[in-house]
């Protein structure tokens, strides 16, 4: 059985892969905790920062922002992830 690799339309995962608005080319993905009140931000407007701080909410003091990727976090996909985010994600989910 092959698990679903994308999120269901109303699914709100605890963490999501994300990219900053300024990403270019095949940059590594980051991971951020998902705000359960707002859910995934696939079209932009992330409201929490990635574990490494590369992706963060946009505000008037910094150039920021980003979006979530509709890709379920798997061990395979962690290979294309920022090493700091992958380590923090593993630590955050080690008891789960």
C-alpha atoms as a PDB file:
ATOM      1  CA  UNK A   1       0.000   0.000   0.000  1.00  0.00           C
ATOM      2  CA  UNK A   2       1.402   3.362  -1.031  1.00  0.00           C
ATOM      3  CA  UNK A   3       0.637   6.139   1.489  1.00  0.00           C
ATOM      4  CA  UNK A   4      -0.794   9.369   0.147  1.00  0.00           C
ATOM      5  CA  UNK A   5       2.100  11.748  -0.608  1.00  0.00           C
ATOM      6  CA  UNK A   6       0.070  14.952  -0.622  1.00  0.00           C
ATOM      7  CA  UNK A   7      -2.232  16.307   2.084  1.00  0.00           C
ATOM      8  CA  UNK A   8      -6.002  15.868   1.925  1.00  0.00           C
ATOM      9  CA  UNK A   9      -7.843  19.168   1.244  1.00  0.00           C
ATOM     10  CA  UNK A  10      -8.838  19.864   4.877  1.00  0.00           C
ATOM     11  CA  UNK A  11      -5.860  18.146   6.536  1.00  0.00           C
ATOM     12  CA  UNK A  12      -3.792  20.198   8.983  1.00  0.00           C
ATOM     13  CA  UNK A  13      -0.492  18.458   9.710  1.00  0.00           C
ATOM     14  CA  UNK A  14       1.630  19.509  12.697  1.00  0.00           C
ATOM     15  CA  UNK A  15       4.602  20.317  10.408  1.00  0.00           C
ATOM     16  CA  UNK A  16       5.009  21.130   6.718  1.00  0.00           C
ATOM     17  CA  UNK A  17       7.741  21.547   4.145  1.00  0.00           C
ATOM     18  CA  UNK A  18       7.999  25.185   3.088  1.00  0.00           C
ATOM     19  CA  UNK A  19       9.996  27.527   0.854  1.00  0.00           C
ATOM     20  CA  UNK A  20      10.789  31.252   1.123  1.00  0.00           C
ATOM     21  CA  UNK A  21       9.383  33.681  -1.432  1.00  0.00           C
ATOM     22  CA  UNK A  22      12.885  34.343  -2.766  1.00  0.00           C
ATOM     23  CA  UNK A  23      13.747  30.685  -3.489  1.00  0.00           C
ATOM     24  CA  UNK A  24      15.595  30.074  -6.743  1.00  0.00           C
ATOM     25  CA  UNK A  25      16.373  26.794  -8.398  1.00  0.00           C
ATOM     26  CA  UNK A  26      16.593  23.523  -6.541  1.00  0.00           C
ATOM     27  CA  UNK A  27      17.108  24.936  -3.037  1.00  0.00           C
ATOM     28  CA  UNK A  28      16.566  22.594  -0.072  1.00  0.00           C
ATOM     29  CA  UNK A  29      13.125  22.664   1.507  1.00  0.00           C
ATOM     30  CA  UNK A  30      12.632  23.841   5.072  1.00  0.00           C
ATOM     31  CA  UNK A  31      10.143  22.642   7.703  1.00  0.00           C
ATOM     32  CA  UNK A  32       7.905  24.793   9.862  1.00  0.00           C
ATOM     33  CA  UNK A  33       5.335  24.035  12.552  1.00  0.00           C
ATOM     34  CA  UNK A  34       1.839  24.589  11.149  1.00  0.00           C
ATOM     35  CA  UNK A  35      -0.486  26.879  13.060  1.00  0.00           C
ATOM     36  CA  UNK A  36      -3.580  24.705  13.702  1.00  0.00           C
ATOM     37  CA  UNK A  37      -5.819  27.796  13.518  1.00  0.00           C
ATOM     38  CA  UNK A  38      -4.742  28.694   9.974  1.00  0.00           C
ATOM     39  CA  UNK A  39      -3.535  25.385   8.531  1.00  0.00           C
ATOM     40  CA  UNK A  40      -1.368  24.946   5.464  1.00  0.00           C
ATOM     41  CA  UNK A  41      -0.462  28.062   3.514  1.00  0.00           C
ATOM     42  CA  UNK A  42      -0.008  26.546   0.048  1.00  0.00           C
ATOM     43  CA  UNK A  43      -0.546  29.880  -1.715  1.00  0.00           C
ATOM     44  CA  UNK A  44       1.783  31.877   0.518  1.00  0.00           C
ATOM     45  CA  UNK A  45       1.517  33.798   3.742  1.00  0.00           C
ATOM     46  CA  UNK A  46       3.178  31.428   6.199  1.00  0.00           C
ATOM     47  CA  UNK A  47       2.501  32.546   9.755  1.00  0.00           C
ATOM     48  CA  UNK A  48       5.228  30.624  11.602  1.00  0.00           C
ATOM     49  CA  UNK A  49       8.973  30.437  10.954  1.00  0.00           C
ATOM     50  CA  UNK A  50      10.850  27.397   9.728  1.00  0.00           C
ATOM     51  CA  UNK A  51      13.027  25.622  12.269  1.00  0.00           C
ATOM     52  CA  UNK A  52      16.162  27.160  10.716  1.00  0.00           C
ATOM     53  CA  UNK A  53      14.687  30.661  10.347  1.00  0.00           C
ATOM     54  CA  UNK A  54      15.189  30.857   6.565  1.00  0.00           C
ATOM     55  CA  UNK A  55      11.424  30.956   5.984  1.00  0.00           C
ATOM     56  CA  UNK A  56       9.528  33.368   8.179  1.00  0.00           C
ATOM     57  CA  UNK A  57       6.303  35.361   8.145  1.00  0.00           C
ATOM     58  CA  UNK A  58       6.389  38.592   6.184  1.00  0.00           C
ATOM     59  CA  UNK A  59       6.134  41.793   8.178  1.00  0.00           C
ATOM     60  CA  UNK A  60       7.060  45.441   7.835  1.00  0.00           C
ATOM     61  CA  UNK A  61      10.586  45.055   9.271  1.00  0.00           C
ATOM     62  CA  UNK A  62      11.880  42.162   7.201  1.00  0.00           C
ATOM     63  CA  UNK A  63      11.560  40.829   3.717  1.00  0.00           C
ATOM     64  CA  UNK A  64      10.015  37.487   4.294  1.00  0.00           C
ATOM     65  CA  UNK A  65       7.190  35.219   3.579  1.00  0.00           C
ATOM     66  CA  UNK A  66       6.873  31.868   2.005  1.00  0.00           C
ATOM     67  CA  UNK A  67       4.524  29.035   1.275  1.00  0.00           C
ATOM     68  CA  UNK A  68       3.977  25.443   2.258  1.00  0.00           C
ATOM     69  CA  UNK A  69       4.509  22.552  -0.127  1.00  0.00           C
ATOM     70  CA  UNK A  70       1.782  19.981  -0.614  1.00  0.00           C
ATOM     71  CA  UNK A  71       4.240  17.163   0.084  1.00  0.00           C
ATOM     72  CA  UNK A  72       3.878  14.913   3.110  1.00  0.00           C
ATOM     73  CA  UNK A  73       7.045  14.760   5.227  1.00  0.00           C
ATOM     74  CA  UNK A  74       8.681  11.371   4.697  1.00  0.00           C
ATOM     75  CA  UNK A  75      12.159  10.052   5.373  1.00  0.00           C
ATOM     76  CA  UNK A  76      12.790  10.091   1.623  1.00  0.00           C
ATOM     77  CA  UNK A  77      11.867  13.782   1.322  1.00  0.00           C
ATOM     78  CA  UNK A  78      14.009  14.718   4.319  1.00  0.00           C
ATOM     79  CA  UNK A  79      16.943  14.053   1.969  1.00  0.00           C
ATOM     80  CA  UNK A  80      16.007  17.254   0.080  1.00  0.00           C
ATOM     81  CA  UNK A  81      15.571  19.265   3.237  1.00  0.00           C
ATOM     82  CA  UNK A  82      17.659  21.857   5.044  1.00  0.00           C
ATOM     83  CA  UNK A  83      19.851  19.875   7.496  1.00  0.00           C
ATOM     84  CA  UNK A  84      18.939  22.180  10.416  1.00  0.00           C
ATOM     85  CA  UNK A  85      15.221  21.736   9.747  1.00  0.00           C
ATOM     86  CA  UNK A  86      15.559  17.965   9.322  1.00  0.00           C
ATOM     87  CA  UNK A  87      17.404  17.656  12.645  1.00  0.00           C
ATOM     88  CA  UNK A  88      14.875  19.861  14.475  1.00  0.00           C
ATOM     89  CA  UNK A  89      11.948  17.945  12.929  1.00  0.00           C
ATOM     90  CA  UNK A  90      13.416  14.610  14.008  1.00  0.00           C
ATOM     91  CA  UNK A  91      13.917  15.936  17.532  1.00  0.00           C
ATOM     92  CA  UNK A  92      10.383  17.373  17.673  1.00  0.00           C
ATOM     93  CA  UNK A  93       8.846  14.091  16.515  1.00  0.00           C
ATOM     94  CA  UNK A  94      11.084  11.537  18.214  1.00  0.00           C
ATOM     95  CA  UNK A  95       8.527  10.807  20.944  1.00  0.00           C
ATOM     96  CA  UNK A  96       5.567  10.748  18.563  1.00  0.00           C
END
